[in-house]
Amino acid sequence: MPHLLSLPNELLEEIVGLLVPSFPRDCSEHRYWGIGPGETPHIKDLSSLCLTCKQLELVVRPHLFKIVVITYPTRMIRLFRTLIENPSIRKMVRTISICCTFSFGDEMVDPFSPRETFLDENPELSLKMKWDPDTMEPYAAAVFRAVELDRDEYKEFTEDELEALNEGSYWMAIPSFSERANYEERLMESLAAGLMALSLGLERFIIRRENNDSDDHFQEAIASLVKHPDTQDHVLENVPKLEFWKSRSNPFGFQISPSDDFWNSLIQLPTIKEFYDDGKLKLKPFQLFD
């Protein structure tokens, strides 16, 4: 019987592909497929194979990043960091499904909320983020700046916040809950737009929205990416691959179904409308409704 590593890489890729279960079309089933409370065994299996040797790592890694399910903001930030720091992985990501809501804000200190994680101020996580765009390769830096992740509130805690944090009354340093919620949501939507721009082999980008979710910042970030000459081509290619699913309440609980209202508002933005009218942004017929 031949040794596993004696097989050609093409055959190894087919074998490894058998470890990955089929990905459900229905967004409501995604959170039970990927990393999170319902983590499927194949993620751990692929990760273990990656650690065995360089040959298997080269074969397995594309399958590990091919489909990414995000069930919590920390996962989104980790993936964003990975794509910023590893250009070779960007073409491996084919499907991203964001199952966590963009409506995220809290009054009390939460080490796992988006901004605390992004600032990497929580020793329990130790993500060791490096968010200096001057040290990033040019395309990553262009994406980072275009989606405004270099805003002052994402660079460090203010002195008032640090003082309140040390006193155990962090929430008192925030002028209002609405302000906190605003930049938490803006951060989440900017990260989502950044992931779309960094995933150069993207085929599907799925976003689950709740009834009260707003995507204004997400649309603004897309418009900014389209306007930037270094990111324009990739983003125009990826925008039609967006899918929005909305969670709606009904007498039997919640129902998740495709939502198309995003598109009509997106193409009203001047920057997007220009490229849509010129035919450079090609949307699918079912994405627009009169």
C-alpha atoms as a PDB file:
ATOM      1  CA  MET A   1       0.000   0.000   0.000  1.00  0.00           C
ATOM      2  CA  PRO A   2       1.522   3.360  -0.983  1.00  0.00           C
ATOM      3  CA  HIS A   3       2.376   5.874   1.724  1.00  0.00           C
ATOM      4  CA  LEU A   4      -0.022   8.831   1.891  1.00  0.00           C
ATOM      5  CA  LEU A   5       2.691  11.368   1.101  1.00  0.00           C
ATOM      6  CA  SER A   6       3.804   9.346  -1.937  1.00  0.00           C
ATOM      7  CA  LEU A   7       0.517  10.142  -3.666  1.00  0.00           C
ATOM      8  CA  PRO A   8       0.403  13.070  -6.126  1.00  0.00           C
ATOM      9  CA  ASN A   9      -0.978  16.331  -4.745  1.00  0.00           C
ATOM     10  CA  GLU A  10      -3.963  16.168  -7.114  1.00  0.00           C
ATOM     11  CA  LEU A  11      -5.072  12.902  -5.510  1.00  0.00           C
ATOM     12  CA  LEU A  12      -4.352  14.225  -2.021  1.00  0.00           C
ATOM     13  CA  GLU A  13      -6.587  17.217  -2.733  1.00  0.00           C
ATOM     14  CA  GLU A  14      -9.452  14.913  -3.688  1.00  0.00           C
ATOM     15  CA  ILE A  15      -8.974  12.889  -0.511  1.00  0.00           C
ATOM     16  CA  VAL A  16      -8.876  15.986   1.691  1.00  0.00           C
ATOM     17  CA  GLY A  17     -11.959  17.348  -0.074  1.00  0.00           C
ATOM     18  CA  LEU A  18     -13.904  14.329   1.171  1.00  0.00           C
ATOM     19  CA  LEU A  19     -13.409  15.578   4.738  1.00  0.00           C
ATOM     20  CA  VAL A  20     -15.380  18.761   4.034  1.00  0.00           C
ATOM     21  CA  PRO A  21     -19.175  18.382   4.310  1.00  0.00           C
ATOM     22  CA  SER A  22     -21.444  20.028   1.764  1.00  0.00           C
ATOM     23  CA  PHE A  23     -22.287  23.630   2.581  1.00  0.00           C
ATOM     24  CA  PRO A  24     -26.032  24.315   3.031  1.00  0.00           C
ATOM     25  CA  ARG A  25     -27.709  26.870   0.805  1.00  0.00           C
ATOM     26  CA  ASP A  26     -30.040  27.960   3.611  1.00  0.00           C
ATOM     27  CA  CYS A  27     -28.402  30.666   5.736  1.00  0.00           C
ATOM     28  CA  SER A  28     -30.235  29.469   8.856  1.00  0.00           C
ATOM     29  CA  GLU A  29     -28.109  26.310   8.838  1.00  0.00           C
ATOM     30  CA  HIS A  30     -24.717  27.989   8.432  1.00  0.00           C
ATOM     31  CA  ARG A  31     -23.977  28.632  12.107  1.00  0.00           C
ATOM     32  CA  TYR A  32     -24.173  24.880  12.731  1.00  0.00           C
ATOM     33  CA  TRP A  33     -21.614  24.197  10.009  1.00  0.00           C
ATOM     34  CA  GLY A  34     -18.659  26.418  10.853  1.00  0.00           C
ATOM     35  CA  ILE A  35     -16.561  27.398  13.831  1.00  0.00           C
ATOM     36  CA  GLY A  36     -18.706  28.192  16.828  1.00  0.00           C
ATOM     37  CA  PRO A  37     -20.982  26.348  19.233  1.00  0.00           C
ATOM     38  CA  GLY A  38     -21.913  23.857  16.507  1.00  0.00           C
ATOM     39  CA  GLU A  39     -18.397  23.329  15.165  1.00  0.00           C
ATOM     40  CA  THR A  40     -18.188  20.399  12.789  1.00  0.00           C
ATOM     41  CA  PRO A  41     -15.314  17.902  13.134  1.00  0.00           C
ATOM     42  CA  HIS A  42     -13.776  18.676   9.741  1.00  0.00           C
ATOM     43  CA  ILE A  43     -12.390  22.038  10.934  1.00  0.00           C
ATOM     44  CA  LYS A  44     -10.329  20.327  13.645  1.00  0.00           C
ATOM     45  CA  ASP A  45      -9.337  17.526  11.262  1.00  0.00           C
ATOM     46  CA  LEU A  46      -8.072  19.956   8.622  1.00  0.00           C
ATOM     47  CA  SER A  47      -6.262  22.059  11.217  1.00  0.00           C
ATOM     48  CA  SER A  48      -4.518  18.946  12.568  1.00  0.00           C
ATOM     49  CA  LEU A  49      -3.482  17.856   9.075  1.00  0.00           C
ATOM     50  CA  CYS A  50      -2.004  21.308   8.421  1.00  0.00           C
ATOM     51  CA  LEU A  51       0.340  20.801  11.379  1.00  0.00           C
ATOM     52  CA  THR A  52       1.730  17.446  10.238  1.00  0.00           C
ATOM     53  CA  CYS A  53       4.084  18.513   7.451  1.00  0.00           C
ATOM     54  CA  LYS A  54       4.645  21.171   4.797  1.00  0.00           C
ATOM     55  CA  GLN A  55       3.370  18.995   1.942  1.00  0.00           C
ATOM     56  CA  LEU A  56       0.015  18.371   3.583  1.00  0.00           C
ATOM     57  CA  GLU A  57      -0.219  21.976   4.722  1.00  0.00           C
ATOM     58  CA  LEU A  58      -0.022  23.141   1.103  1.00  0.00           C
ATOM     59  CA  VAL A  59      -2.762  20.691   0.121  1.00  0.00           C
ATOM     60  CA  VAL A  60      -5.039  21.212   3.118  1.00  0.00           C
ATOM     61  CA  ARG A  61      -4.886  24.973   3.696  1.00  0.00           C
ATOM     62  CA  PRO A  62      -7.086  25.926   0.694  1.00  0.00           C
ATOM     63  CA  HIS A  63      -9.805  23.595   2.025  1.00  0.00           C
ATOM     64  CA  LEU A  64      -9.467  25.110   5.500  1.00  0.00           C
ATOM     65  CA  PHE A  65     -10.123  28.635   4.220  1.00  0.00           C
ATOM     66  CA  LYS A  66     -12.455  27.820   1.319  1.00  0.00           C
ATOM     67  CA  ILE A  67     -15.607  28.296   3.412  1.00  0.00           C
ATOM     68  CA  VAL A  68     -15.582  30.536   6.482  1.00  0.00           C
ATOM     69  CA  VAL A  69     -18.564  30.862   8.807  1.00  0.00           C
ATOM     70  CA  ILE A  70     -18.449  33.782  11.250  1.00  0.00           C
ATOM     71  CA  THR A  71     -20.642  33.418  14.311  1.00  0.00           C
ATOM     72  CA  TYR A  72     -19.055  36.090  16.519  1.00  0.00           C
ATOM     73  CA  PRO A  73     -17.126  39.373  15.985  1.00  0.00           C
ATOM     74  CA  THR A  74     -13.873  37.875  17.306  1.00  0.00           C
ATOM     75  CA  ARG A  75     -13.870  35.400  14.425  1.00  0.00           C
ATOM     76  CA  MET A  76     -14.382  38.234  11.942  1.00  0.00           C
ATOM     77  CA  ILE A  77     -11.436  40.173  13.346  1.00  0.00           C
ATOM     78  CA  ARG A  78      -9.205  37.074  13.329  1.00  0.00           C
ATOM     79  CA  LEU A  79     -10.001  36.397   9.669  1.00  0.00           C
ATOM     80  CA  PHE A  80      -9.438  40.038   8.766  1.00  0.00           C
ATOM     81  CA  ARG A  81      -6.024  39.940  10.440  1.00  0.00           C
ATOM     82  CA  THR A  82      -5.163  36.691   8.637  1.00  0.00           C
ATOM     83  CA  LEU A  83      -6.002  38.159   5.224  1.00  0.00           C
ATOM     84  CA  ILE A  84      -4.172  41.402   5.996  1.00  0.00           C
ATOM     85  CA  GLU A  85      -0.987  39.569   6.983  1.00  0.00           C
ATOM     86  CA  ASN A  86      -1.124  36.644   4.508  1.00  0.00           C
ATOM     87  CA  PRO A  87      -1.735  37.665   0.876  1.00  0.00           C
ATOM     88  CA  SER A  88      -1.369  34.036  -0.262  1.00  0.00           C
ATOM     89  CA  ILE A  89      -4.568  33.060   1.599  1.00  0.00           C
ATOM     90  CA  ARG A  90      -6.783  35.721   0.000  1.00  0.00           C
ATOM     91  CA  LYS A  91      -7.557  33.702  -3.125  1.00  0.00           C
ATOM     92  CA  MET A  92      -8.363  30.604  -1.043  1.00  0.00           C
ATOM     93  CA  VAL A  93     -11.493  32.139   0.512  1.00  0.00           C
ATOM     94  CA  ARG A  94     -14.469  31.309  -1.721  1.00  0.00           C
ATOM     95  CA  THR A  95     -17.427  31.635   0.657  1.00  0.00           C
ATOM     96  CA  ILE A  96     -17.903  33.819   3.728  1.00  0.00           C
ATOM     97  CA  SER A  97     -21.095  33.622   5.774  1.00  0.00           C
ATOM     98  CA  ILE A  98     -21.511  36.219   8.524  1.00  0.00           C
ATOM     99  CA  CYS A  99     -24.113  34.885  10.941  1.00  0.00           C
ATOM    100  CA  CYS A 100     -23.549  37.401  13.738  1.00  0.00           C
ATOM    101  CA  THR A 101     -25.497  40.641  13.762  1.00  0.00           C
ATOM    102  CA  PHE A 102     -24.018  44.052  12.974  1.00  0.00           C
ATOM    103  CA  SER A 103     -26.131  45.576  15.750  1.00  0.00           C
ATOM    104  CA  PHE A 104     -23.609  45.285  18.533  1.00  0.00           C
ATOM    105  CA  GLY A 105     -23.202  47.682  21.419  1.00  0.00           C
ATOM    106  CA  ASP A 106     -23.157  47.455  25.179  1.00  0.00           C
ATOM    107  CA  GLU A 107     -23.032  49.790  28.139  1.00  0.00           C
ATOM    108  CA  MET A 108     -20.623  47.740  30.218  1.00  0.00           C
ATOM    109  CA  VAL A 109     -17.080  46.608  29.575  1.00  0.00           C
ATOM    110  CA  ASP A 110     -17.086  43.486  27.454  1.00  0.00           C
ATOM    111  CA  PRO A 111     -13.691  41.982  26.550  1.00  0.00           C
ATOM    112  CA  PHE A 112     -15.229  40.224  23.565  1.00  0.00           C
ATOM    113  CA  SER A 113     -17.062  43.175  22.035  1.00  0.00           C
ATOM    114  CA  PRO A 114     -15.744  44.260  18.610  1.00  0.00           C
ATOM    115  CA  ARG A 115     -13.861  47.373  19.671  1.00  0.00           C
ATOM    116  CA  GLU A 116     -12.113  45.791  22.672  1.00  0.00           C
ATOM    117  CA  THR A 117     -11.076  42.877  20.475  1.00  0.00           C
ATOM    118  CA  PHE A 118      -9.973  45.147  17.647  1.00  0.00           C
ATOM    119  CA  LEU A 119      -7.891  47.264  20.022  1.00  0.00           C
ATOM    120  CA  ASP A 120      -6.435  44.037  21.438  1.00  0.00           C
ATOM    121  CA  GLU A 121      -6.626  45.353  24.978  1.00  0.00           C
ATOM    122  CA  ASN A 122      -7.859  42.098  26.492  1.00  0.00           C
ATOM    123  CA  PRO A 123      -5.080  39.813  27.829  1.00  0.00           C
ATOM    124  CA  GLU A 124      -7.447  36.829  27.710  1.00  0.00           C
ATOM    125  CA  LEU A 125      -7.493  36.961  23.914  1.00  0.00           C
ATOM    126  CA  SER A 126      -3.876  37.943  23.134  1.00  0.00           C
ATOM    127  CA  LEU A 127      -4.569  38.297  19.419  1.00  0.00           C
ATOM    128  CA  LYS A 128      -1.434  40.417  18.923  1.00  0.00           C
ATOM    129  CA  MET A 129      -3.004  42.583  16.260  1.00  0.00           C
ATOM    130  CA  LYS A 130      -0.858  44.816  14.081  1.00  0.00           C
ATOM    131  CA  TRP A 131      -2.997  47.566  12.666  1.00  0.00           C
ATOM    132  CA  ASP A 132      -0.402  49.992  11.315  1.00  0.00           C
ATOM    133  CA  PRO A 133      -1.278  50.490   7.623  1.00  0.00           C
ATOM    134  CA  ASP A 134       2.203  51.932   7.016  1.00  0.00           C
ATOM    135  CA  THR A 135       3.632  48.451   7.627  1.00  0.00           C
ATOM    136  CA  MET A 136       1.040  46.588   5.526  1.00  0.00           C
ATOM    137  CA  GLU A 137       1.543  45.615   1.910  1.00  0.00           C
ATOM    138  CA  PRO A 138      -0.036  48.232  -0.421  1.00  0.00           C
ATOM    139  CA  TYR A 139      -3.347  46.506  -1.236  1.00  0.00           C
ATOM    140  CA  ALA A 140      -4.073  45.641   2.405  1.00  0.00           C
ATOM    141  CA  ALA A 141      -3.258  49.210   3.449  1.00  0.00           C
ATOM    142  CA  ALA A 142      -5.561  50.593   0.746  1.00  0.00           C
ATOM    143  CA  VAL A 143      -8.442  48.408   1.981  1.00  0.00           C
ATOM    144  CA  PHE A 144      -7.767  49.265   5.629  1.00  0.00           C
ATOM    145  CA  ARG A 145      -7.864  53.000   4.956  1.00  0.00           C
ATOM    146  CA  ALA A 146     -10.744  52.915   2.459  1.00  0.00           C
ATOM    147  CA  VAL A 147     -13.110  51.298   4.981  1.00  0.00           C
ATOM    148  CA  GLU A 148     -11.904  53.784   7.635  1.00  0.00           C
ATOM    149  CA  LEU A 149     -10.486  51.299  10.104  1.00  0.00           C
ATOM    150  CA  ASP A 150      -7.832  53.915  10.854  1.00  0.00           C
ATOM    151  CA  ARG A 151     -10.379  56.161  12.600  1.00  0.00           C
ATOM    152  CA  ASP A 152      -9.192  57.563  15.931  1.00  0.00           C
ATOM    153  CA  GLU A 153     -11.688  55.556  18.015  1.00  0.00           C
ATOM    154  CA  TYR A 154     -10.202  52.327  16.625  1.00  0.00           C
ATOM    155  CA  LYS A 155      -6.589  53.200  17.441  1.00  0.00           C
ATOM    156  CA  GLU A 156      -6.613  53.218  21.220  1.00  0.00           C
ATOM    157  CA  PHE A 157      -8.742  53.809  24.273  1.00  0.00           C
ATOM    158  CA  THR A 158      -9.123  57.412  25.339  1.00  0.00           C
ATOM    159  CA  GLU A 159      -7.652  58.510  28.680  1.00  0.00           C
ATOM    160  CA  ASP A 160     -11.182  58.741  30.126  1.00  0.00           C
ATOM    161  CA  GLU A 161     -11.959  55.216  28.965  1.00  0.00           C
ATOM    162  CA  LEU A 162      -8.745  53.802  30.443  1.00  0.00           C
ATOM    163  CA  GLU A 163      -9.356  55.538  33.758  1.00  0.00           C
ATOM    164  CA  ALA A 164     -12.925  54.259  33.881  1.00  0.00           C
ATOM    165  CA  LEU A 165     -11.772  50.787  32.872  1.00  0.00           C
ATOM    166  CA  ASN A 166      -9.288  50.709  35.748  1.00  0.00           C
ATOM    167  CA  GLU A 167     -12.006  51.799  38.146  1.00  0.00           C
ATOM    168  CA  GLY A 168     -14.354  49.091  36.916  1.00  0.00           C
ATOM    169  CA  SER A 169     -16.831  51.623  35.565  1.00  0.00           C
ATOM    170  CA  TYR A 170     -15.909  51.636  31.882  1.00  0.00           C
ATOM    171  CA  TRP A 171     -19.418  52.363  30.667  1.00  0.00           C
ATOM    172  CA  MET A 172     -19.397  55.725  32.524  1.00  0.00           C
ATOM    173  CA  ALA A 173     -16.694  57.032  30.188  1.00  0.00           C
ATOM    174  CA  ILE A 174     -18.972  56.667  27.173  1.00  0.00           C
ATOM    175  CA  PRO A 175     -21.036  59.838  26.603  1.00  0.00           C
ATOM    176  CA  SER A 176     -24.029  57.777  25.518  1.00  0.00           C
ATOM    177  CA  PHE A 177     -25.020  54.245  24.683  1.00  0.00           C
ATOM    178  CA  SER A 178     -26.002  55.349  21.175  1.00  0.00           C
ATOM    179  CA  GLU A 179     -22.467  56.622  20.503  1.00  0.00           C
ATOM    180  CA  ARG A 180     -20.947  53.357  21.701  1.00  0.00           C
ATOM    181  CA  ALA A 181     -23.383  51.337  19.601  1.00  0.00           C
ATOM    182  CA  ASN A 182     -22.677  53.567  16.595  1.00  0.00           C
ATOM    183  CA  TYR A 183     -18.949  52.929  16.430  1.00  0.00           C
ATOM    184  CA  GLU A 184     -19.327  49.254  17.329  1.00  0.00           C
ATOM    185  CA  GLU A 185     -21.701  48.834  14.380  1.00  0.00           C
ATOM    186  CA  ARG A 186     -19.515  50.948  12.103  1.00  0.00           C
ATOM    187  CA  LEU A 187     -16.527  48.781  13.017  1.00  0.00           C
ATOM    188  CA  MET A 188     -18.430  45.568  12.240  1.00  0.00           C
ATOM    189  CA  GLU A 189     -19.684  46.862   8.889  1.00  0.00           C
ATOM    190  CA  SER A 190     -16.224  48.203   7.962  1.00  0.00           C
ATOM    191  CA  LEU A 191     -14.682  44.817   8.759  1.00  0.00           C
ATOM    192  CA  ALA A 192     -17.296  43.063   6.606  1.00  0.00           C
ATOM    193  CA  ALA A 193     -16.583  45.347   3.655  1.00  0.00           C
ATOM    194  CA  GLY A 194     -12.862  44.851   4.187  1.00  0.00           C
ATOM    195  CA  LEU A 195     -13.267  41.062   4.132  1.00  0.00           C
ATOM    196  CA  MET A 196     -15.152  41.316   0.856  1.00  0.00           C
ATOM    197  CA  ALA A 197     -12.341  43.379  -0.679  1.00  0.00           C
ATOM    198  CA  LEU A 198      -9.547  41.128   0.648  1.00  0.00           C
ATOM    199  CA  SER A 199     -11.112  37.851  -0.519  1.00  0.00           C
ATOM    200  CA  LEU A 200      -9.811  37.829  -4.073  1.00  0.00           C
ATOM    201  CA  GLY A 201     -11.286  34.441  -5.032  1.00  0.00           C
ATOM    202  CA  LEU A 202     -14.727  35.142  -3.591  1.00  0.00           C
ATOM    203  CA  GLU A 203     -17.783  33.304  -4.940  1.00  0.00           C
ATOM    204  CA  ARG A 204     -20.383  33.957  -2.199  1.00  0.00           C
ATOM    205  CA  PHE A 205     -20.507  36.530   0.592  1.00  0.00           C
ATOM    206  CA  ILE A 206     -23.531  35.950   2.824  1.00  0.00           C
ATOM    207  CA  ILE A 207     -24.722  38.389   5.479  1.00  0.00           C
ATOM    208  CA  ARG A 208     -27.509  37.579   7.904  1.00  0.00           C
ATOM    209  CA  ARG A 209     -29.436  40.647   9.041  1.00  0.00           C
ATOM    210  CA  GLU A 210     -31.982  41.140  11.788  1.00  0.00           C
ATOM    211  CA  ASN A 211     -35.073  43.265  11.326  1.00  0.00           C
ATOM    212  CA  ASN A 212     -33.521  46.326  12.972  1.00  0.00           C
ATOM    213  CA  ASP A 213     -30.062  46.023  11.400  1.00  0.00           C
ATOM    214  CA  SER A 214     -28.800  48.983   9.407  1.00  0.00           C
ATOM    215  CA  ASP A 215     -26.196  48.606   6.691  1.00  0.00           C
ATOM    216  CA  ASP A 216     -25.573  52.298   5.957  1.00  0.00           C
ATOM    217  CA  HIS A 217     -21.918  52.102   7.017  1.00  0.00           C
ATOM    218  CA  PHE A 218     -21.455  48.932   4.985  1.00  0.00           C
ATOM    219  CA  GLN A 219     -22.780  50.669   1.874  1.00  0.00           C
ATOM    220  CA  GLU A 220     -20.565  53.693   2.519  1.00  0.00           C
ATOM    221  CA  ALA A 221     -17.536  51.424   2.917  1.00  0.00           C
ATOM    222  CA  ILE A 222     -18.316  49.684  -0.382  1.00  0.00           C
ATOM    223  CA  ALA A 223     -18.644  53.057  -2.118  1.00  0.00           C
ATOM    224  CA  SER A 224     -15.296  54.126  -0.661  1.00  0.00           C
ATOM    225  CA  LEU A 225     -13.646  50.891  -1.860  1.00  0.00           C
ATOM    226  CA  VAL A 226     -15.128  51.350  -5.339  1.00  0.00           C
ATOM    227  CA  LYS A 227     -13.845  54.922  -5.436  1.00  0.00           C
ATOM    228  CA  HIS A 228     -10.286  53.903  -4.504  1.00  0.00           C
ATOM    229  CA  PRO A 229      -8.263  53.061  -7.659  1.00  0.00           C
ATOM    230  CA  ASP A 230      -6.304  50.276  -5.947  1.00  0.00           C
ATOM    231  CA  THR A 231      -9.387  48.379  -4.737  1.00  0.00           C
ATOM    232  CA  GLN A 232     -11.957  49.331  -7.356  1.00  0.00           C
ATOM    233  CA  ASP A 233     -11.640  46.371  -9.750  1.00  0.00           C
ATOM    234  CA  HIS A 234     -11.763  43.651  -7.088  1.00  0.00           C
ATOM    235  CA  VAL A 235     -14.714  45.218  -5.283  1.00  0.00           C
ATOM    236  CA  LEU A 236     -16.761  45.773  -8.462  1.00  0.00           C
ATOM    237  CA  GLU A 237     -16.214  42.084  -9.197  1.00  0.00           C
ATOM    238  CA  ASN A 238     -17.222  40.982  -5.685  1.00  0.00           C
ATOM    239  CA  VAL A 239     -20.262  43.187  -5.017  1.00  0.00           C
ATOM    240  CA  PRO A 240     -22.619  41.026  -7.151  1.00  0.00           C
ATOM    241  CA  LYS A 241     -21.621  38.014  -5.027  1.00  0.00           C
ATOM    242  CA  LEU A 242     -23.222  39.532  -1.919  1.00  0.00           C
ATOM    243  CA  GLU A 243     -26.273  37.777  -0.486  1.00  0.00           C
ATOM    244  CA  PHE A 244     -28.465  39.265   2.240  1.00  0.00           C
ATOM    245  CA  TRP A 245     -30.700  37.095   4.383  1.00  0.00           C
ATOM    246  CA  LYS A 246     -33.095  38.699   6.830  1.00  0.00           C
ATOM    247  CA  SER A 247     -34.441  37.164  10.013  1.00  0.00           C
ATOM    248  CA  ARG A 248     -38.133  37.958  10.470  1.00  0.00           C
ATOM    249  CA  SER A 249     -40.413  37.044  13.331  1.00  0.00           C
ATOM    250  CA  ASN A 250     -43.622  35.106  12.705  1.00  0.00           C
ATOM    251  CA  PRO A 251     -46.179  33.236  14.874  1.00  0.00           C
ATOM    252  CA  PHE A 252     -43.944  30.158  14.813  1.00  0.00           C
ATOM    253  CA  GLY A 253     -40.705  31.918  15.782  1.00  0.00           C
ATOM    254  CA  PHE A 254     -38.191  33.309  13.294  1.00  0.00           C
ATOM    255  CA  GLN A 255     -37.900  32.765   9.566  1.00  0.00           C
ATOM    256  CA  ILE A 256     -34.748  33.521   7.586  1.00  0.00           C
ATOM    257  CA  SER A 257     -35.212  34.369   3.921  1.00  0.00           C
ATOM    258  CA  PRO A 258     -33.312  36.217   1.165  1.00  0.00           C
ATOM    259  CA  SER A 259     -33.595  39.997   1.285  1.00  0.00           C
ATOM    260  CA  ASP A 260     -33.128  42.226  -1.755  1.00  0.00           C
ATOM    261  CA  ASP A 261     -33.863  45.713  -0.405  1.00  0.00           C
ATOM    262  CA  PHE A 262     -30.118  46.313   0.016  1.00  0.00           C
ATOM    263  CA  TRP A 263     -29.477  46.631  -3.707  1.00  0.00           C
ATOM    264  CA  ASN A 264     -31.916  49.382  -4.556  1.00  0.00           C
ATOM    265  CA  SER A 265     -30.476  51.624  -1.856  1.00  0.00           C
ATOM    266  CA  LEU A 266     -26.873  50.724  -2.737  1.00  0.00           C
ATOM    267  CA  ILE A 267     -27.119  51.825  -6.365  1.00  0.00           C
ATOM    268  CA  GLN A 268     -28.516  55.183  -5.283  1.00  0.00           C
ATOM    269  CA  LEU A 269     -25.140  56.134  -3.815  1.00  0.00           C
ATOM    270  CA  PRO A 270     -23.497  58.465  -6.375  1.00  0.00           C
ATOM    271  CA  THR A 271     -20.250  56.509  -6.627  1.00  0.00           C
ATOM    272  CA  ILE A 272     -22.034  53.171  -7.075  1.00  0.00           C
ATOM    273  CA  LYS A 273     -24.683  54.591  -9.408  1.00  0.00           C
ATOM    274  CA  GLU A 274     -21.976  55.895 -11.744  1.00  0.00           C
ATOM    275  CA  PHE A 275     -20.472  52.436 -12.207  1.00  0.00           C
ATOM    276  CA  TYR A 276     -23.888  50.757 -12.379  1.00  0.00           C
ATOM    277  CA  ASP A 277     -25.099  53.139 -15.110  1.00  0.00           C
ATOM    278  CA  ASP A 278     -21.856  52.624 -17.050  1.00  0.00           C
ATOM    279  CA  GLY A 279     -22.287  48.844 -16.880  1.00  0.00           C
ATOM    280  CA  LYS A 280     -19.099  48.320 -14.877  1.00  0.00           C
ATOM    281  CA  LEU A 281     -21.122  47.011 -11.929  1.00  0.00           C
ATOM    282  CA  LYS A 282     -23.180  44.097 -13.190  1.00  0.00           C
ATOM    283  CA  LEU A 283     -25.887  42.922 -10.819  1.00  0.00           C
ATOM    284  CA  LYS A 284     -27.968  39.805 -11.334  1.00  0.00           C
ATOM    285  CA  PRO A 285     -31.543  40.398 -12.535  1.00  0.00           C
ATOM    286  CA  PHE A 286     -33.103  38.995  -9.353  1.00  0.00           C
ATOM    287  CA  GLN A 287     -31.117  41.421  -7.191  1.00  0.00           C
ATOM    288  CA  LEU A 288     -33.159  44.459  -8.256  1.00  0.00           C
ATOM    289  CA  PHE A 289     -36.887  45.031  -7.906  1.00  0.00           C
ATOM    290  CA  ASP A 290     -39.032  47.946  -9.064  1.00  0.00           C
END
